[in-house]
PDB file of N, CA and C in Angstrom:
ATOM      1  N   MET A   1      49.785-123.374 -13.997  1.00  0.00           N
ATOM      2  CA  MET A   1      48.619-122.934 -14.441  1.00  0.00           C
ATOM      3  C   MET A   1      48.683-122.329 -15.764  1.00  0.00           C
ATOM      4  N   THR A   2      47.765-122.484 -16.813  1.00  0.00           N
ATOM      5  CA  THR A   2      47.660-122.032 -18.057  1.00  0.00           C
ATOM      6  C   THR A   2      46.262-121.530 -18.492  1.00  0.00           C
ATOM      7  N   ARG A   3      46.259-121.026 -19.660  1.00  0.00           N
ATOM      8  CA  ARG A   3      45.167-120.206 -19.948  1.00  0.00           C
ATOM      9  C   ARG A   3      43.983-121.134 -20.144  1.00  0.00           C
ATOM     10  N   HIS A   4      44.348-122.471 -20.205  1.00  0.00           N
ATOM     11  CA  HIS A   4      43.225-123.475 -20.751  1.00  0.00           C
ATOM     12  C   HIS A   4      42.969-124.069 -19.233  1.00  0.00           C
ATOM     13  N   GLY A   5      43.299-123.699 -18.072  1.00  0.00           N
ATOM     14  CA  GLY A   5      43.302-124.529 -16.703  1.00  0.00           C
ATOM     15  C   GLY A   5      44.228-125.127 -16.465  1.00  0.00           C
ATOM     16  N   CYS A   6      44.266-125.673 -15.225  1.00  0.00           N
ATOM     17  CA  CYS A   6      45.653-126.275 -14.446  1.00  0.00           C
ATOM     18  C   CYS A   6      45.959-127.332 -15.281  1.00  0.00           C
ATOM     19  N   SER A   7      47.550-127.506 -15.411  1.00  0.00           N
ATOM     20  CA  SER A   7      48.110-128.428 -16.375  1.00  0.00           C
ATOM     21  C   SER A   7      48.789-129.302 -15.647  1.00  0.00           C
ATOM     22  N   PHE A   8      48.666-129.269 -14.242  1.00  0.00           N
ATOM     23  CA  PHE A   8      49.377-130.201 -13.201  1.00  0.00           C
ATOM     24  C   PHE A   8      48.685-131.430 -13.074  1.00  0.00           C
ATOM     25  N   GLU A   9      49.336-132.592 -12.817  1.00  0.00           N
ATOM     26  CA  GLU A   9      48.382-133.757 -12.646  1.00  0.00           C
ATOM     27  C   GLU A   9      47.461-133.734 -11.455  1.00  0.00           C
ATOM     28  N   GLY A  10      46.192-134.063 -11.721  1.00  0.00           N
ATOM     29  CA  GLY A  10      45.063-134.018 -10.657  1.00  0.00           C
ATOM     30  C   GLY A  10      44.433-132.629 -10.978  1.00  0.00           C
ATOM     31  N   GLY A  11      44.904-131.629 -11.562  1.00  0.00           N
ATOM     32  CA  GLY A  11      44.172-130.430 -11.975  1.00  0.00           C
ATOM     33  C   GLY A  11      43.837-129.515 -11.066  1.00  0.00           C
ATOM     34  N   ALA A  12      44.584-129.500  -9.600  1.00  0.00           N
ATOM     35  CA  ALA A  12      44.244-128.807  -8.599  1.00  0.00           C
ATOM     36  C   ALA A  12      45.343-127.581  -8.675  1.00  0.00           C
ATOM     37  N   CYS A  13      44.878-126.494  -8.889  1.00  0.00           N
ATOM     38  CA  CYS A  13      46.029-125.181  -8.740  1.00  0.00           C
ATOM     39  C   CYS A  13      45.522-124.394  -7.548  1.00  0.00           C
ATOM     40  N   TYR A  14      46.087-123.937  -6.956  1.00  0.00           N
ATOM     41  CA  TYR A  14      46.096-123.006  -5.857  1.00  0.00           C
ATOM     42  C   TYR A  14      46.226-121.586  -6.020  1.00  0.00           C
ATOM     43  N   THR A  15      45.907-120.506  -5.400  1.00  0.00           N
ATOM     44  CA  THR A  15      46.291-118.983  -5.991  1.00  0.00           C
ATOM     45  C   THR A  15      47.519-119.155  -4.889  1.00  0.00           C
ATOM     46  N   ILE A  16      48.455-117.800  -5.363  1.00  0.00           N
ATOM     47  CA  ILE A  16      49.908-117.516  -4.571  1.00  0.00           C
ATOM     48  C   ILE A  16      49.041-117.405  -2.996  1.00  0.00           C
ATOM     49  N   VAL A  17      50.186-117.374  -2.238  1.00  0.00           N
ATOM     50  CA  VAL A  17      49.998-116.853  -0.923  1.00  0.00           C
ATOM     51  C   VAL A  17      50.860-115.576  -0.635  1.00  0.00           C
ATOM     52  N   GLU A  18      50.901-114.782   0.409  1.00  0.00           N
ATOM     53  CA  GLU A  18      51.635-113.401   0.416  1.00  0.00           C
ATOM     54  C   GLU A  18      52.775-113.317   0.192  1.00  0.00           C
ATOM     55  N   GLN A  19      53.436-114.410   0.613  1.00  0.00           N
ATOM     56  CA  GLN A  19      55.022-114.479   0.371  1.00  0.00           C
ATOM     57  C   GLN A  19      55.468-114.599  -0.993  1.00  0.00           C
ATOM     58  N   CYS A  20      54.249-115.169  -1.884  1.00  0.00           N
ATOM     59  CA  CYS A  20      54.767-114.840  -3.052  1.00  0.00           C
ATOM     60  C   CYS A  20      54.825-113.686  -4.020  1.00  0.00           C
ATOM     61  N   GLU A  21      54.398-112.528  -3.202  1.00  0.00           N
ATOM     62  CA  GLU A  21      54.018-111.413  -4.063  1.00  0.00           C
ATOM     63  C   GLU A  21      55.511-110.751  -4.275  1.00  0.00           C
ATOM     64  N   GLY A  22      55.605-110.477  -5.571  1.00  0.00           N
ATOM     65  CA  GLY A  22      57.048-110.031  -6.199  1.00  0.00           C
ATOM     66  C   GLY A  22      57.827-111.065  -6.760  1.00  0.00           C
ATOM     67  N   CYS A  23      57.640-112.207  -6.768  1.00  0.00           N
ATOM     68  CA  CYS A  23      58.378-113.483  -7.391  1.00  0.00           C
ATOM     69  C   CYS A  23      57.811-113.117  -9.188  1.00  0.00           C
ATOM     70  N   ALA A  24      58.805-113.499  -9.788  1.00  0.00           N
ATOM     71  CA  ALA A  24      58.707-113.314 -11.454  1.00  0.00           C
ATOM     72  C   ALA A  24      57.924-114.685 -11.812  1.00  0.00           C
ATOM     73  N   LYS A  25      57.823-115.603 -11.218  1.00  0.00           N
ATOM     74  CA  LYS A  25      56.890-116.852 -11.743  1.00  0.00           C
ATOM     75  C   LYS A  25      55.616-116.729 -11.381  1.00  0.00           C
ATOM     76  N   VAL A  26      55.108-115.675 -10.974  1.00  0.00           N
ATOM     77  CA  VAL A  26      53.757-115.415 -10.929  1.00  0.00           C
ATOM     78  C   VAL A  26      53.107-114.925 -11.799  1.00  0.00           C
ATOM     79  N   VAL A  27      51.877-115.568 -12.501  1.00  0.00           N
ATOM     80  CA  VAL A  27      51.178-115.348 -13.628  1.00  0.00           C
ATOM     81  C   VAL A  27      49.897-114.776 -12.982  1.00  0.00           C
ATOM     82  N   GLU A  28      49.243-114.113 -13.911  1.00  0.00           N
ATOM     83  CA  GLU A  28      47.783-113.435 -13.269  1.00  0.00           C
ATOM     84  C   GLU A  28      46.764-114.099 -14.487  1.00  0.00           C
ATOM     85  N   TYR A  29      45.787-114.500 -14.117  1.00  0.00           N
ATOM     86  CA  TYR A  29      44.722-114.759 -14.934  1.00  0.00           C
ATOM     87  C   TYR A  29      43.486-114.288 -14.097  1.00  0.00           C
ATOM     88  N   GLU A  30      42.029-114.360 -15.119  1.00  0.00           N
ATOM     89  CA  GLU A  30      40.958-113.890 -14.697  1.00  0.00           C
ATOM     90  C   GLU A  30      40.573-114.511 -13.165  1.00  0.00           C
ATOM     91  N   THR A  31      40.875-115.707 -12.672  1.00  0.00           N
ATOM     92  CA  THR A  31      40.754-116.314 -11.678  1.00  0.00           C
ATOM     93  C   THR A  31      41.199-116.067 -10.676  1.00  0.00           C
ATOM     94  N   GLY A  32      42.543-115.331 -10.892  1.00  0.00           N
ATOM     95  CA  GLY A  32      43.375-114.954  -9.816  1.00  0.00           C
ATOM     96  C   GLY A  32      44.887-115.072 -10.207  1.00  0.00           C
ATOM     97  N   LYS A  33      45.621-115.068  -9.304  1.00  0.00           N
ATOM     98  CA  LYS A  33      47.164-115.253  -9.450  1.00  0.00           C
ATOM     99  C   LYS A  33      47.726-116.385  -8.997  1.00  0.00           C
ATOM    100  N   PHE A  34      48.574-117.014 -10.242  1.00  0.00           N
ATOM    101  CA  PHE A  34      48.841-118.661 -10.076  1.00  0.00           C
ATOM    102  C   PHE A  34      50.576-118.416  -9.876  1.00  0.00           C
ATOM    103  N   CYS A  35      51.327-119.436  -9.360  1.00  0.00           N
ATOM    104  CA  CYS A  35      52.527-119.765  -9.577  1.00  0.00           C
ATOM    105  C   CYS A  35      52.457-120.761 -10.769  1.00  0.00           C
ATOM    106  N   SER A  36      53.189-120.217 -11.641  1.00  0.00           N
ATOM    107  CA  SER A  36      53.843-121.116 -13.141  1.00  0.00           C
ATOM    108  C   SER A  36      54.493-122.313 -12.854  1.00  0.00           C
ATOM    109  N   VAL A  37      55.235-122.364 -11.486  1.00  0.00           N
ATOM    110  CA  VAL A  37      55.953-123.515 -11.488  1.00  0.00           C
ATOM    111  C   VAL A  37      55.360-124.621 -10.391  1.00  0.00           C
ATOM    112  N   TYR A  38      54.694-124.252  -9.245  1.00  0.00           N
ATOM    113  CA  TYR A  38      54.256-125.020  -8.384  1.00  0.00           C
ATOM    114  C   TYR A  38      52.786-124.883  -8.173  1.00  0.00           C
ATOM    115  N   PRO A  39      52.161-125.955  -7.912  1.00  0.00           N
ATOM    116  CA  PRO A  39      50.577-125.763  -7.946  1.00  0.00           C
ATOM    117  C   PRO A  39      50.179-125.560  -6.715  1.00  0.00           C
ATOM    118  N   HIS A  40      50.626-125.950  -5.661  1.00  0.00           N
ATOM    119  CA  HIS A  40      50.218-125.518  -4.331  1.00  0.00           C
ATOM    120  C   HIS A  40      51.320-124.511  -3.535  1.00  0.00           C
ATOM    121  N   PRO A  41      51.433-123.282  -3.552  1.00  0.00           N
ATOM    122  CA  PRO A  41      52.494-122.390  -3.168  1.00  0.00           C
ATOM    123  C   PRO A  41      52.450-122.474  -1.569  1.00  0.00           C
ATOM    124  N   GLU A  42      51.494-122.567  -1.041  1.00  0.00           N
ATOM    125  CA  GLU A  42      51.416-122.292   0.458  1.00  0.00           C
ATOM    126  C   GLU A  42      52.147-123.573   0.892  1.00  0.00           C
ATOM    127  N   MET A  43      52.241-124.621   0.559  1.00  0.00           N
ATOM    128  CA  MET A  43      53.235-125.830   0.952  1.00  0.00           C
ATOM    129  C   MET A  43      54.527-125.411   0.702  1.00  0.00           C
ATOM    130  N   LYS A  44      55.111-124.833  -0.012  1.00  0.00           N
ATOM    131  CA  LYS A  44      56.315-124.432  -0.377  1.00  0.00           C
ATOM    132  C   LYS A  44      57.010-123.584   0.563  1.00  0.00           C
ATOM    133  N   TRP A  45      55.968-122.729   1.082  1.00  0.00           N
ATOM    134  CA  TRP A  45      56.386-121.555   1.864  1.00  0.00           C
ATOM    135  C   TRP A  45      56.473-122.159   3.617  1.00  0.00           C
ATOM    136  N   ARG A  46      55.904-123.701   3.649  1.00  0.00           N
ATOM    137  CA  ARG A  46      55.631-124.108   4.970  1.00  0.00           C
ATOM    138  C   ARG A  46      56.758-124.240   5.909  1.00  0.00           C
ATOM    139  N   LYS A  47      57.897-124.617   5.386  1.00  0.00           N
ATOM    140  CA  LYS A  47      58.937-124.997   6.010  1.00  0.00           C
ATOM    141  C   LYS A  47      60.423-123.911   5.846  1.00  0.00           C
ATOM    142  N   GLY A  48      59.885-123.142   5.099  1.00  0.00           N
ATOM    143  CA  GLY A  48      60.794-121.918   4.974  1.00  0.00           C
ATOM    144  C   GLY A  48      60.625-121.335   3.582  1.00  0.00           C
ATOM    145  N   PRO A  49      61.583-120.450   3.002  1.00  0.00           N
ATOM    146  CA  PRO A  49      61.472-119.897   1.664  1.00  0.00           C
ATOM    147  C   PRO A  49      61.449-120.907   0.798  1.00  0.00           C
ATOM    148  N   CYS A  50      60.640-120.381  -0.372  1.00  0.00           N
ATOM    149  CA  CYS A  50      60.637-121.286  -1.526  1.00  0.00           C
ATOM    150  C   CYS A  50      61.791-121.266  -2.397  1.00  0.00           C
ATOM    151  N   ASN A  51      62.138-122.419  -3.062  1.00  0.00           N
ATOM    152  CA  ASN A  51      63.318-122.437  -3.601  1.00  0.00           C
ATOM    153  C   ASN A  51      63.323-122.143  -4.975  1.00  0.00           C
ATOM    154  N   PHE A  52      61.715-121.679  -5.457  1.00  0.00           N
ATOM    155  CA  PHE A  52      61.766-121.090  -6.733  1.00  0.00           C
ATOM    156  C   PHE A  52      61.613-119.804  -6.756  1.00  0.00           C
ATOM    157  N   ALA A  53      61.608-119.137  -5.746  1.00  0.00           N
ATOM    158  CA  ALA A  53      61.257-117.714  -5.252  1.00  0.00           C
ATOM    159  C   ALA A  53      62.276-116.801  -5.860  1.00  0.00           C
ATOM    160  N   THR A  54      62.097-116.020  -6.901  1.00  0.00           N
ATOM    161  CA  THR A  54      63.210-114.974  -7.429  1.00  0.00           C
ATOM    162  C   THR A  54      63.439-113.898  -6.758  1.00  0.00           C
ATOM    163  N   HIS A  55      62.544-113.227  -5.609  1.00  0.00           N
ATOM    164  CA  HIS A  55      62.606-112.202  -4.784  1.00  0.00           C
ATOM    165  C   HIS A  55      63.020-112.383  -3.528  1.00  0.00           C
ATOM    166  N   VAL A  56      63.394-113.565  -3.275  1.00  0.00           N
ATOM    167  CA  VAL A  56      64.192-113.884  -1.804  1.00  0.00           C
ATOM    168  C   VAL A  56      65.799-114.039  -1.998  1.00  0.00           C
ATOM    169  N   LYS A  57      66.207-113.138  -1.208  1.00  0.00           N
ATOM    170  CA  LYS A  57      67.947-113.079  -1.203  1.00  0.00           C
ATOM    171  C   LYS A  57      68.467-114.372  -0.408  1.00  0.00           C
ATOM    172  N   ARG A  58      69.096-115.050  -0.424  1.00  0.00           N
ATOM    173  CA  ARG A  58      69.758-115.797   0.371  1.00  0.00           C
ATOM    174  C   ARG A  58      71.000-115.633   0.626  1.00  0.00           C
ATOM    175  N   GLU A  59      71.225-115.996   2.031  1.00  0.00           N
ATOM    176  CA  GLU A  59      72.720-115.530   2.570  1.00  0.00           C
ATOM    177  C   GLU A  59      73.515-116.709   2.371  1.00  0.00           C
ATOM    178  N   VAL A  60      74.837-116.191   1.940  1.00  0.00           N
ATOM    179  CA  VAL A  60      75.842-116.950   1.825  1.00  0.00           C
ATOM    180  C   VAL A  60      76.711-117.194   3.144  1.00  0.00           C
ATOM    181  N   GLU A  61      77.301-118.616   3.645  1.00  0.00           N
ATOM    182  CA  GLU A  61      77.909-118.650   4.766  1.00  0.00           C
ATOM    183  C   GLU A  61      79.479-117.846   4.441  1.00  0.00           C
ATOM    184  N   LYS A  62      79.760-117.418   5.707  1.00  0.00           N
ATOM    185  CA  LYS A  62      80.990-116.702   5.582  1.00  0.00           C
ATOM    186  C   LYS A  62      81.859-117.178   6.741  1.00  0.00           C
ATOM    187  N   ASP A  63      83.117-117.462   6.974  1.00  0.00           N
ATOM    188  CA  ASP A  63      84.107-117.583   8.103  1.00  0.00           C
ATOM    189  C   ASP A  63      84.328-116.424   8.887  1.00  0.00           C
ATOM    190  N   GLU A  64      85.238-116.892   9.842  1.00  0.00           N
ATOM    191  CA  GLU A  64      85.459-115.279  10.796  1.00  0.00           C
ATOM    192  C   GLU A  64      86.029-114.111  10.101  1.00  0.00           C
ATOM    193  N   SER A  65      87.006-114.512   8.785  1.00  0.00           N
ATOM    194  CA  SER A  65      87.652-113.509   8.107  1.00  0.00           C
ATOM    195  C   SER A  65      86.480-112.952   7.178  1.00  0.00           C
ATOM    196  N   GLY A  66      85.354-113.268   7.166  1.00  0.00           N
ATOM    197  CA  GLY A  66      84.547-112.718   6.172  1.00  0.00           C
ATOM    198  C   GLY A  66      84.286-113.229   4.672  1.00  0.00           C
ATOM    199  N   LYS A  67      85.051-114.275   4.464  1.00  0.00           N
ATOM    200  CA  LYS A  67      85.093-114.865   3.462  1.00  0.00           C
ATOM    201  C   LYS A  67      84.246-116.029   2.866  1.00  0.00           C
ATOM    202  N   LYS A  68      83.627-116.178   1.561  1.00  0.00           N
ATOM    203  CA  LYS A  68      82.858-117.532   1.535  1.00  0.00           C
ATOM    204  C   LYS A  68      83.451-118.845   1.874  1.00  0.00           C
ATOM    205  N   ILE A  69      82.424-119.552   2.231  1.00  0.00           N
ATOM    206  CA  ILE A  69      82.704-120.597   2.669  1.00  0.00           C
ATOM    207  C   ILE A  69      82.263-121.740   1.462  1.00  0.00           C
ATOM    208  N   ASN A  70      83.227-122.627   1.070  1.00  0.00           N
ATOM    209  CA  ASN A  70      83.117-123.527   0.029  1.00  0.00           C
ATOM    210  C   ASN A  70      82.229-124.821   0.856  1.00  0.00           C
ATOM    211  N   PRO A  71      80.998-125.179   0.784  1.00  0.00           N
ATOM    212  CA  PRO A  71      80.442-126.115   1.633  1.00  0.00           C
ATOM    213  C   PRO A  71      81.125-127.611   1.114  1.00  0.00           C
ATOM    214  N   LEU A  72      81.582-127.772   0.272  1.00  0.00           N
ATOM    215  CA  LEU A  72      82.223-129.122   0.054  1.00  0.00           C
ATOM    216  C   LEU A  72      83.652-129.050   0.909  1.00  0.00           C
ATOM    217  N   LYS A  73      84.319-128.376   0.616  1.00  0.00           N
ATOM    218  CA  LYS A  73      85.764-128.147   1.549  1.00  0.00           C
ATOM    219  C   LYS A  73      85.381-128.173   2.894  1.00  0.00           C
ATOM    220  N   ALA A  74      84.225-127.216   3.372  1.00  0.00           N
ATOM    221  CA  ALA A  74      84.017-127.477   4.974  1.00  0.00           C
ATOM    222  C   ALA A  74      83.610-128.843   5.419  1.00  0.00           C
ATOM    223  N   ALA A  75      82.721-129.433   4.471  1.00  0.00           N
ATOM    224  CA  ALA A  75      82.645-130.813   4.974  1.00  0.00           C
ATOM    225  C   ALA A  75      83.615-131.613   4.776  1.00  0.00           C
ATOM    226  N   LYS A  76      84.461-131.623   4.088  1.00  0.00           N
ATOM    227  CA  LYS A  76      85.621-132.367   4.249  1.00  0.00           C
ATOM    228  C   LYS A  76      86.633-131.994   5.612  1.00  0.00           C
ATOM    229  N   ARG A  77      86.878-130.760   5.716  1.00  0.00           N
ATOM    230  CA  ARG A  77      87.397-130.381   7.210  1.00  0.00           C
ATOM    231  C   ARG A  77      86.763-130.940   8.242  1.00  0.00           C
ATOM    232  N   ALA A  78      85.438-130.783   8.257  1.00  0.00           N
ATOM    233  CA  ALA A  78      84.952-131.320   9.307  1.00  0.00           C
ATOM    234  C   ALA A  78      84.873-132.814   9.600  1.00  0.00           C
ATOM    235  N   ALA A  79      84.867-133.490   8.440  1.00  0.00           N
ATOM    236  CA  ALA A  79      85.063-134.916   8.447  1.00  0.00           C
ATOM    237  C   ALA A  79      86.490-135.483   8.999  1.00  0.00           C
ATOM    238  N   ARG A  80      87.568-134.451   8.611  1.00  0.00           N
ATOM    239  CA  ARG A  80      88.857-134.821   9.109  1.00  0.00           C
ATOM    240  C   ARG A  80      89.018-134.769  10.591  1.00  0.00           C
ATOM    241  N   MET A  81      88.109-133.613  10.972  1.00  0.00           N
ATOM    242  CA  MET A  81      88.333-133.457  12.525  1.00  0.00           C
ATOM    243  C   MET A  81      87.692-134.494  13.507  1.00  0.00           C
ATOM    244  N   ARG A  82      87.003-135.294  12.955  1.00  0.00           N
ATOM    245  CA  ARG A  82      86.472-136.369  13.796  1.00  0.00           C
ATOM    246  C   ARG A  82      87.224-137.354  14.315  1.00  0.00           C
TER     247      ARG A  82
END
């Protein structure tokens, strides 16, 4: 969304949903609050947290000893065990 209207293809931008509150990508105009990255924020939150959300903390996988797991190495180990 820009000052001159919706810049996305089709020209349909929707206002943000409750989960978007606090995100750095939210811009406010006279017509309401909009996401500067995605035209339909509700669809981004439907299957889980939005990948553009700056206010959502993501958890890192850890093993039994508390160390971070490298996803590439974990995939290789799992393939070797088959």
